[in-house]
Amino acid sequence: MNSLSRKIQGRFQRLIGSRAPAPTVQRDDPNAPRRTSAQWAAQRVGSPVVLIDPDGWDRTDWTYSYFVERISEREYDRRLGASTIRVKM
């Protein structure tokens, strides 16, 4: 390891701390139920969330991505979180 690499690694360690856990990738459970986004939204009747701009879904073919593609509830929540929403008061 050259001195530049050690210097960068030292700065990185100071930023994140020497005992920072390694990042883990959370994967969907392959046995989790899969539904369309429209079905997940309908299941949450009375939810105060209104989807304004579907940034989390495929914008080139939004109708397929929202009404046909079957995804897990975790993926639905991830996509909803990446979208512009409004919360009804």
PDB file of N, CA and C in Angstrom:
ATOM      1  N   MET A   1       0.857  -1.171   0.000  1.00  0.00           N
ATOM      2  CA  MET A   1       0.000   0.000   0.000  1.00  0.00           C
ATOM      3  C   MET A   1       0.902   1.233   0.000  1.00  0.00           C
ATOM      4  N   ASN A   2       0.674   2.134  -0.918  1.00  0.00           N
ATOM      5  CA  ASN A   2       1.510   3.333  -0.976  1.00  0.00           C
ATOM      6  C   ASN A   2       1.030   4.371   0.033  1.00  0.00           C
ATOM      7  N   SER A   3       1.814   5.432   0.187  1.00  0.00           N
ATOM      8  CA  SER A   3       1.522   6.425   1.229  1.00  0.00           C
ATOM      9  C   SER A   3       0.212   7.169   0.960  1.00  0.00           C
ATOM     10  N   LEU A   4      -0.122   7.403  -0.307  1.00  0.00           N
ATOM     11  CA  LEU A   4      -1.384   8.073  -0.627  1.00  0.00           C
ATOM     12  C   LEU A   4      -2.567   7.203  -0.228  1.00  0.00           C
ATOM     13  N   SER A   5      -2.467   5.913  -0.496  1.00  0.00           N
ATOM     14  CA  SER A   5      -3.549   4.997  -0.121  1.00  0.00           C
ATOM     15  C   SER A   5      -3.721   4.960   1.388  1.00  0.00           C
ATOM     16  N   ARG A   6      -2.616   4.941   2.134  1.00  0.00           N
ATOM     17  CA  ARG A   6      -2.700   4.927   3.600  1.00  0.00           C
ATOM     18  C   ARG A   6      -3.307   6.225   4.115  1.00  0.00           C
ATOM     19  N   LYS A   7      -2.955   7.342   3.480  1.00  0.00           N
ATOM     20  CA  LYS A   7      -3.490   8.631   3.900  1.00  0.00           C
ATOM     21  C   LYS A   7      -5.004   8.681   3.665  1.00  0.00           C
ATOM     22  N   ILE A   8      -5.435   8.219   2.506  1.00  0.00           N
ATOM     23  CA  ILE A   8      -6.877   8.203   2.187  1.00  0.00           C
ATOM     24  C   ILE A   8      -7.606   7.265   3.130  1.00  0.00           C
ATOM     25  N   GLN A   9      -7.038   6.094   3.366  1.00  0.00           N
ATOM     26  CA  GLN A   9      -7.678   5.133   4.259  1.00  0.00           C
ATOM     27  C   GLN A   9      -7.768   5.698   5.672  1.00  0.00           C
ATOM     28  N   GLY A  10      -6.717   6.405   6.119  1.00  0.00           N
ATOM     29  CA  GLY A  10      -6.743   7.007   7.448  1.00  0.00           C
ATOM     30  C   GLY A  10      -7.836   8.057   7.563  1.00  0.00           C
ATOM     31  N   ARG A  11      -7.978   8.890   6.554  1.00  0.00           N
ATOM     32  CA  ARG A  11      -9.038   9.911   6.574  1.00  0.00           C
ATOM     33  C   ARG A  11     -10.416   9.258   6.560  1.00  0.00           C
ATOM     34  N   PHE A  12     -10.559   8.204   5.764  1.00  0.00           N
ATOM     35  CA  PHE A  12     -11.832   7.494   5.698  1.00  0.00           C
ATOM     36  C   PHE A  12     -12.177   6.883   7.052  1.00  0.00           C
ATOM     37  N   GLN A  13     -11.197   6.275   7.697  1.00  0.00           N
ATOM     38  CA  GLN A  13     -11.431   5.671   9.006  1.00  0.00           C
ATOM     39  C   GLN A  13     -11.835   6.722  10.029  1.00  0.00           C
ATOM     40  N   ARG A  14     -11.226   7.916   9.964  1.00  0.00           N
ATOM     41  CA  ARG A  14     -11.600   8.980  10.893  1.00  0.00           C
ATOM     42  C   ARG A  14     -13.022   9.459  10.630  1.00  0.00           C
ATOM     43  N   LEU A  15     -13.445   9.464   9.368  1.00  0.00           N
ATOM     44  CA  LEU A  15     -14.801   9.897   9.036  1.00  0.00           C
ATOM     45  C   LEU A  15     -15.851   8.922   9.534  1.00  0.00           C
ATOM     46  N   ILE A  16     -15.623   7.649   9.309  1.00  0.00           N
ATOM     47  CA  ILE A  16     -16.649   6.665   9.656  1.00  0.00           C
ATOM     48  C   ILE A  16     -16.411   5.993  10.991  1.00  0.00           C
ATOM     49  N   GLY A  17     -15.242   6.181  11.559  1.00  0.00           N
ATOM     50  CA  GLY A  17     -14.920   5.504  12.802  1.00  0.00           C
ATOM     51  C   GLY A  17     -14.291   4.161  12.502  1.00  0.00           C
ATOM     52  N   SER A  18     -13.422   3.737  13.355  1.00  0.00           N
ATOM     53  CA  SER A  18     -12.679   2.503  13.077  1.00  0.00           C
ATOM     54  C   SER A  18     -13.526   1.260  13.283  1.00  0.00           C
ATOM     55  N   ARG A  19     -14.620   1.363  14.002  1.00  0.00           N
ATOM     56  CA  ARG A  19     -15.428   0.172  14.276  1.00  0.00           C
ATOM     57  C   ARG A  19     -16.774   0.188  13.558  1.00  0.00           C
ATOM     58  N   ALA A  20     -16.851   0.923  12.485  1.00  0.00           N
ATOM     59  CA  ALA A  20     -18.105   0.991  11.729  1.00  0.00           C
ATOM     60  C   ALA A  20     -18.395  -0.366  11.103  1.00  0.00           C
ATOM     61  N   PRO A  21     -19.622  -0.837  11.225  1.00  0.00           N
ATOM     62  CA  PRO A  21     -19.947  -2.129  10.612  1.00  0.00           C
ATOM     63  C   PRO A  21     -19.960  -2.021   9.095  1.00  0.00           C
ATOM     64  N   ALA A  22     -19.655  -3.115   8.483  1.00  0.00           N
ATOM     65  CA  ALA A  22     -19.683  -3.152   7.018  1.00  0.00           C
ATOM     66  C   ALA A  22     -21.125  -3.001   6.556  1.00  0.00           C
ATOM     67  N   PRO A  23     -21.343  -2.241   5.495  1.00  0.00           N
ATOM     68  CA  PRO A  23     -22.718  -2.081   5.004  1.00  0.00           C
ATOM     69  C   PRO A  23     -23.262  -3.420   4.511  1.00  0.00           C
ATOM     70  N   THR A  24     -24.514  -3.637   4.787  1.00  0.00           N
ATOM     71  CA  THR A  24     -25.147  -4.871   4.332  1.00  0.00           C
ATOM     72  C   THR A  24     -26.209  -4.538   3.307  1.00  0.00           C
ATOM     73  N   VAL A  25     -26.381  -5.408   2.375  1.00  0.00           N
ATOM     74  CA  VAL A  25     -27.400  -5.242   1.352  1.00  0.00           C
ATOM     75  C   VAL A  25     -28.621  -6.009   1.815  1.00  0.00           C
ATOM     76  N   GLN A  26     -29.736  -5.306   1.952  1.00  0.00           N
ATOM     77  CA  GLN A  26     -30.962  -5.978   2.347  1.00  0.00           C
ATOM     78  C   GLN A  26     -31.679  -6.448   1.096  1.00  0.00           C
ATOM     79  N   ARG A  27     -31.915  -7.712   1.050  1.00  0.00           N
ATOM     80  CA  ARG A  27     -32.569  -8.293  -0.110  1.00  0.00           C
ATOM     81  C   ARG A  27     -34.002  -8.680   0.261  1.00  0.00           C
ATOM     82  N   ASP A  28     -34.848  -8.663  -0.743  1.00  0.00           N
ATOM     83  CA  ASP A  28     -36.215  -9.101  -0.516  1.00  0.00           C
ATOM     84  C   ASP A  28     -36.249 -10.581  -0.208  1.00  0.00           C
ATOM     85  N   ASP A  29     -37.138 -10.938   0.653  1.00  0.00           N
ATOM     86  CA  ASP A  29     -37.361 -12.337   0.955  1.00  0.00           C
ATOM     87  C   ASP A  29     -38.012 -12.972  -0.275  1.00  0.00           C
ATOM     88  N   PRO A  30     -37.416 -14.031  -0.831  1.00  0.00           N
ATOM     89  CA  PRO A  30     -38.004 -14.632  -2.032  1.00  0.00           C
ATOM     90  C   PRO A  30     -39.384 -15.237  -1.780  1.00  0.00           C
ATOM     91  N   ASN A  31     -39.712 -15.483  -0.511  1.00  0.00           N
ATOM     92  CA  ASN A  31     -41.019 -16.055  -0.181  1.00  0.00           C
ATOM     93  C   ASN A  31     -42.050 -14.992   0.200  1.00  0.00           C
ATOM     94  N   ALA A  32     -41.643 -13.720   0.167  1.00  0.00           N
ATOM     95  CA  ALA A  32     -42.569 -12.640   0.505  1.00  0.00           C
ATOM     96  C   ALA A  32     -43.665 -12.555  -0.552  1.00  0.00           C
ATOM     97  N   PRO A  33     -44.881 -12.237  -0.118  1.00  0.00           N
ATOM     98  CA  PRO A  33     -45.966 -12.124  -1.103  1.00  0.00           C
ATOM     99  C   PRO A  33     -45.684 -10.994  -2.088  1.00  0.00           C
ATOM    100  N   ARG A  34     -46.064 -11.206  -3.323  1.00  0.00           N
ATOM    101  CA  ARG A  34     -45.837 -10.222  -4.383  1.00  0.00           C
ATOM    102  C   ARG A  34     -47.195  -9.793  -4.930  1.00  0.00           C
ATOM    103  N   ARG A  35     -47.347  -8.475  -5.043  1.00  0.00           N
ATOM    104  CA  ARG A  35     -48.569  -7.885  -5.594  1.00  0.00           C
ATOM    105  C   ARG A  35     -48.161  -6.715  -6.467  1.00  0.00           C
ATOM    106  N   THR A  36     -49.112  -6.188  -7.205  1.00  0.00           N
ATOM    107  CA  THR A  36     -48.828  -4.975  -7.969  1.00  0.00           C
ATOM    108  C   THR A  36     -48.832  -3.792  -7.004  1.00  0.00           C
ATOM    109  N   SER A  37     -48.237  -2.697  -7.419  1.00  0.00           N
ATOM    110  CA  SER A  37     -48.219  -1.498  -6.577  1.00  0.00           C
ATOM    111  C   SER A  37     -49.630  -1.001  -6.307  1.00  0.00           C
ATOM    112  N   ALA A  38     -50.488  -1.104  -7.301  1.00  0.00           N
ATOM    113  CA  ALA A  38     -51.884  -0.688  -7.122  1.00  0.00           C
ATOM    114  C   ALA A  38     -52.559  -1.534  -6.039  1.00  0.00           C
ATOM    115  N   GLN A  39     -52.248  -2.827  -5.999  1.00  0.00           N
ATOM    116  CA  GLN A  39     -52.816  -3.696  -4.969  1.00  0.00           C
ATOM    117  C   GLN A  39     -52.273  -3.348  -3.587  1.00  0.00           C
ATOM    118  N   TRP A  40     -50.971  -3.045  -3.492  1.00  0.00           N
ATOM    119  CA  TRP A  40     -50.398  -2.645  -2.206  1.00  0.00           C
ATOM    120  C   TRP A  40     -51.049  -1.341  -1.742  1.00  0.00           C
ATOM    121  N   ALA A  41     -51.265  -0.397  -2.664  1.00  0.00           N
ATOM    122  CA  ALA A  41     -51.885   0.882  -2.307  1.00  0.00           C
ATOM    123  C   ALA A  41     -53.328   0.676  -1.849  1.00  0.00           C
ATOM    124  N   ALA A  42     -54.072  -0.197  -2.536  1.00  0.00           N
ATOM    125  CA  ALA A  42     -55.470  -0.458  -2.177  1.00  0.00           C
ATOM    126  C   ALA A  42     -55.567  -1.132  -0.818  1.00  0.00           C
ATOM    127  N   GLN A  43     -54.556  -1.903  -0.473  1.00  0.00           N
ATOM    128  CA  GLN A  43     -54.555  -2.586   0.826  1.00  0.00           C
ATOM    129  C   GLN A  43     -54.423  -1.576   1.964  1.00  0.00           C
ATOM    130  N   ARG A  44     -53.875  -0.431   1.677  1.00  0.00           N
ATOM    131  CA  ARG A  44     -53.669   0.609   2.691  1.00  0.00           C
ATOM    132  C   ARG A  44     -54.765   1.661   2.620  1.00  0.00           C
ATOM    133  N   VAL A  45     -55.997   1.218   2.559  1.00  0.00           N
ATOM    134  CA  VAL A  45     -57.145   2.132   2.509  1.00  0.00           C
ATOM    135  C   VAL A  45     -57.129   2.995   3.766  1.00  0.00           C
ATOM    136  N   GLY A  46     -57.331   4.281   3.582  1.00  0.00           N
ATOM    137  CA  GLY A  46     -57.312   5.212   4.701  1.00  0.00           C
ATOM    138  C   GLY A  46     -55.923   5.759   4.984  1.00  0.00           C
ATOM    139  N   SER A  47     -54.951   5.347   4.191  1.00  0.00           N
ATOM    140  CA  SER A  47     -53.592   5.860   4.361  1.00  0.00           C
ATOM    141  C   SER A  47     -53.570   7.341   4.004  1.00  0.00           C
ATOM    142  N   PRO A  48     -52.856   8.151   4.784  1.00  0.00           N
ATOM    143  CA  PRO A  48     -52.826   9.583   4.493  1.00  0.00           C
ATOM    144  C   PRO A  48     -51.847   9.968   3.379  1.00  0.00           C
ATOM    145  N   VAL A  49     -51.290   9.004   2.675  1.00  0.00           N
ATOM    146  CA  VAL A  49     -50.276   9.273   1.655  1.00  0.00           C
ATOM    147  C   VAL A  49     -50.910   9.338   0.273  1.00  0.00           C
ATOM    148  N   VAL A  50     -50.599  10.415  -0.473  1.00  0.00           N
ATOM    149  CA  VAL A  50     -51.059  10.576  -1.847  1.00  0.00           C
ATOM    150  C   VAL A  50     -49.821  10.657  -2.731  1.00  0.00           C
ATOM    151  N   LEU A  51     -49.755   9.813  -3.745  1.00  0.00           N
ATOM    152  CA  LEU A  51     -48.619   9.789  -4.659  1.00  0.00           C
ATOM    153  C   LEU A  51     -48.743  10.953  -5.643  1.00  0.00           C
ATOM    154  N   ILE A  52     -47.770  11.861  -5.628  1.00  0.00           N
ATOM    155  CA  ILE A  52     -47.786  13.033  -6.494  1.00  0.00           C
ATOM    156  C   ILE A  52     -46.960  12.785  -7.754  1.00  0.00           C
ATOM    157  N   ASP A  53     -45.712  12.370  -7.573  1.00  0.00           N
ATOM    158  CA  ASP A  53     -44.803  12.127  -8.700  1.00  0.00           C
ATOM    159  C   ASP A  53     -44.122  10.780  -8.472  1.00  0.00           C
ATOM    160  N   PRO A  54     -44.375   9.788  -9.325  1.00  0.00           N
ATOM    161  CA  PRO A  54     -43.880   8.424  -9.087  1.00  0.00           C
ATOM    162  C   PRO A  54     -42.410   8.228  -9.457  1.00  0.00           C
ATOM    163  N   ASP A  55     -41.512   8.965  -8.810  1.00  0.00           N
ATOM    164  CA  ASP A  55     -40.088   8.868  -9.112  1.00  0.00           C
ATOM    165  C   ASP A  55     -39.527   7.474  -8.829  1.00  0.00           C
ATOM    166  N   GLY A  56     -40.089   6.759  -7.893  1.00  0.00           N
ATOM    167  CA  GLY A  56     -39.580   5.438  -7.525  1.00  0.00           C
ATOM    168  C   GLY A  56     -39.932   4.341  -8.512  1.00  0.00           C
ATOM    169  N   TRP A  57     -40.896   4.586  -9.378  1.00  0.00           N
ATOM    170  CA  TRP A  57     -41.299   3.597 -10.363  1.00  0.00           C
ATOM    171  C   TRP A  57     -40.652   3.903 -11.704  1.00  0.00           C
ATOM    172  N   ASP A  58     -40.669   2.940 -12.600  1.00  0.00           N
ATOM    173  CA  ASP A  58     -40.096   3.127 -13.940  1.00  0.00           C
ATOM    174  C   ASP A  58     -40.911   4.183 -14.670  1.00  0.00           C
ATOM    175  N   ARG A  59     -40.307   5.310 -14.939  1.00  0.00           N
ATOM    176  CA  ARG A  59     -41.054   6.421 -15.534  1.00  0.00           C
ATOM    177  C   ARG A  59     -41.247   6.271 -17.028  1.00  0.00           C
ATOM    178  N   THR A  60     -40.474   5.394 -17.681  1.00  0.00           N
ATOM    179  CA  THR A  60     -40.658   5.207 -19.119  1.00  0.00           C
ATOM    180  C   THR A  60     -41.902   4.377 -19.405  1.00  0.00           C
ATOM    181  N   ASP A  61     -42.259   3.481 -18.485  1.00  0.00           N
ATOM    182  CA  ASP A  61     -43.465   2.661 -18.648  1.00  0.00           C
ATOM    183  C   ASP A  61     -44.150   2.559 -17.289  1.00  0.00           C
ATOM    184  N   TRP A  62     -44.646   3.688 -16.812  1.00  0.00           N
ATOM    185  CA  TRP A  62     -45.211   3.764 -15.479  1.00  0.00           C
ATOM    186  C   TRP A  62     -46.423   2.850 -15.308  1.00  0.00           C
ATOM    187  N   THR A  63     -47.260   2.739 -16.305  1.00  0.00           N
ATOM    188  CA  THR A  63     -48.463   1.915 -16.162  1.00  0.00           C
ATOM    189  C   THR A  63     -48.097   0.451 -15.928  1.00  0.00           C
ATOM    190  N   TYR A  64     -47.099  -0.055 -16.639  1.00  0.00           N
ATOM    191  CA  TYR A  64     -46.657  -1.438 -16.397  1.00  0.00           C
ATOM    192  C   TYR A  64     -46.049  -1.550 -15.001  1.00  0.00           C
ATOM    193  N   SER A  65     -45.175  -0.615 -14.670  1.00  0.00           N
ATOM    194  CA  SER A  65     -44.459  -0.663 -13.401  1.00  0.00           C
ATOM    195  C   SER A  65     -45.417  -0.588 -12.210  1.00  0.00           C
ATOM    196  N   TYR A  66     -46.493   0.160 -12.327  1.00  0.00           N
ATOM    197  CA  TYR A  66     -47.421   0.353 -11.210  1.00  0.00           C
ATOM    198  C   TYR A  66     -48.572  -0.655 -11.202  1.00  0.00           C
ATOM    199  N   PHE A  67     -49.113  -0.977 -12.378  1.00  0.00           N
ATOM    200  CA  PHE A  67     -50.323  -1.794 -12.426  1.00  0.00           C
ATOM    201  C   PHE A  67     -50.098  -3.261 -12.779  1.00  0.00           C
ATOM    202  N   VAL A  68     -48.934  -3.640 -13.313  1.00  0.00           N
ATOM    203  CA  VAL A  68     -48.720  -5.020 -13.755  1.00  0.00           C
ATOM    204  C   VAL A  68     -47.588  -5.715 -12.987  1.00  0.00           C
ATOM    205  N   GLU A  69     -46.464  -5.033 -12.830  1.00  0.00           N
ATOM    206  CA  GLU A  69     -45.293  -5.637 -12.190  1.00  0.00           C
ATOM    207  C   GLU A  69     -45.595  -6.029 -10.745  1.00  0.00           C
ATOM    208  N   ARG A  70     -45.284  -7.270 -10.403  1.00  0.00           N
ATOM    209  CA  ARG A  70     -45.540  -7.775  -9.057  1.00  0.00           C
ATOM    210  C   ARG A  70     -44.280  -7.608  -8.210  1.00  0.00           C
ATOM    211  N   ILE A  71     -44.424  -6.906  -7.082  1.00  0.00           N
ATOM    212  CA  ILE A  71     -43.288  -6.611  -6.209  1.00  0.00           C
ATOM    213  C   ILE A  71     -43.660  -6.929  -4.762  1.00  0.00           C
ATOM    214  N   SER A  72     -42.645  -6.987  -3.900  1.00  0.00           N
ATOM    215  CA  SER A  72     -42.881  -7.227  -2.479  1.00  0.00           C
ATOM    216  C   SER A  72     -43.303  -5.925  -1.803  1.00  0.00           C
ATOM    217  N   GLU A  73     -43.812  -6.035  -0.593  1.00  0.00           N
ATOM    218  CA  GLU A  73     -44.218  -4.841   0.144  1.00  0.00           C
ATOM    219  C   GLU A  73     -43.007  -3.976   0.484  1.00  0.00           C
ATOM    220  N   ARG A  74     -41.871  -4.604   0.759  1.00  0.00           N
ATOM    221  CA  ARG A  74     -40.646  -3.855   1.037  1.00  0.00           C
ATOM    222  C   ARG A  74     -40.243  -3.010  -0.182  1.00  0.00           C
ATOM    223  N   GLU A  75     -40.323  -3.612  -1.378  1.00  0.00           N
ATOM    224  CA  GLU A  75     -39.993  -2.878  -2.604  1.00  0.00           C
ATOM    225  C   GLU A  75     -41.003  -1.757  -2.842  1.00  0.00           C
ATOM    226  N   TYR A  76     -42.277  -2.003  -2.553  1.00  0.00           N
ATOM    227  CA  TYR A  76     -43.296  -0.956  -2.683  1.00  0.00           C
ATOM    228  C   TYR A  76     -42.963   0.225  -1.768  1.00  0.00           C
ATOM    229  N   ASP A  77     -42.608  -0.073  -0.517  1.00  0.00           N
ATOM    230  CA  ASP A  77     -42.258   0.990   0.430  1.00  0.00           C
ATOM    231  C   ASP A  77     -41.015   1.748  -0.029  1.00  0.00           C
ATOM    232  N   ARG A  78     -40.039   1.035  -0.595  1.00  0.00           N
ATOM    233  CA  ARG A  78     -38.827   1.686  -1.100  1.00  0.00           C
ATOM    234  C   ARG A  78     -39.173   2.638  -2.246  1.00  0.00           C
ATOM    235  N   ARG A  79     -39.998   2.170  -3.159  1.00  0.00           N
ATOM    236  CA  ARG A  79     -40.387   3.007  -4.307  1.00  0.00           C
ATOM    237  C   ARG A  79     -41.221   4.201  -3.859  1.00  0.00           C
ATOM    238  N   LEU A  80     -42.094   3.976  -2.899  1.00  0.00           N
ATOM    239  CA  LEU A  80     -42.917   5.071  -2.383  1.00  0.00           C
ATOM    240  C   LEU A  80     -42.036   6.115  -1.706  1.00  0.00           C
ATOM    241  N   GLY A  81     -41.024   5.657  -0.992  1.00  0.00           N
ATOM    242  CA  GLY A  81     -40.098   6.573  -0.327  1.00  0.00           C
ATOM    243  C   GLY A  81     -39.258   7.380  -1.297  1.00  0.00           C
ATOM    244  N   ALA A  82     -39.024   6.846  -2.495  1.00  0.00           N
ATOM    245  CA  ALA A  82     -38.233   7.556  -3.504  1.00  0.00           C
ATOM    246  C   ALA A  82     -39.100   8.480  -4.351  1.00  0.00           C
ATOM    247  N   SER A  83     -40.402   8.476  -4.118  1.00  0.00           N
ATOM    248  CA  SER A  83     -41.333   9.282  -4.903  1.00  0.00           C
ATOM    249  C   SER A  83     -41.727  10.544  -4.153  1.00  0.00           C
ATOM    250  N   THR A  84     -42.333  11.459  -4.877  1.00  0.00           N
ATOM    251  CA  THR A  84     -42.864  12.667  -4.251  1.00  0.00           C
ATOM    252  C   THR A  84     -44.265  12.346  -3.780  1.00  0.00           C
ATOM    253  N   ILE A  85     -44.497  12.529  -2.497  1.00  0.00           N
ATOM    254  CA  ILE A  85     -45.803  12.214  -1.921  1.00  0.00           C
ATOM    255  C   ILE A  85     -46.328  13.409  -1.135  1.00  0.00           C
ATOM    256  N   ARG A  86     -47.616  13.376  -0.854  1.00  0.00           N
ATOM    257  CA  ARG A  86     -48.232  14.381  -0.004  1.00  0.00           C
ATOM    258  C   ARG A  86     -48.968  13.630   1.079  1.00  0.00           C
ATOM    259  N   VAL A  87     -48.874  14.131   2.284  1.00  0.00           N
ATOM    260  CA  VAL A  87     -49.558  13.504   3.408  1.00  0.00           C
ATOM    261  C   VAL A  87     -50.804  14.330   3.712  1.00  0.00           C
ATOM    262  N   LYS A  88     -51.960  13.664   3.664  1.00  0.00           N
ATOM    263  CA  LYS A  88     -53.226  14.349   3.971  1.00  0.00           C
ATOM    264  C   LYS A  88     -53.298  14.601   5.466  1.00  0.00           C
ATOM    265  N   MET A  89     -53.772  15.759   5.813  1.00  0.00           N
ATOM    266  CA  MET A  89     -53.932  16.106   7.237  1.00  0.00           C
ATOM    267  C   MET A  89     -55.359  15.919   7.656  1.00  0.00           C
TER     268      MET A  89
END
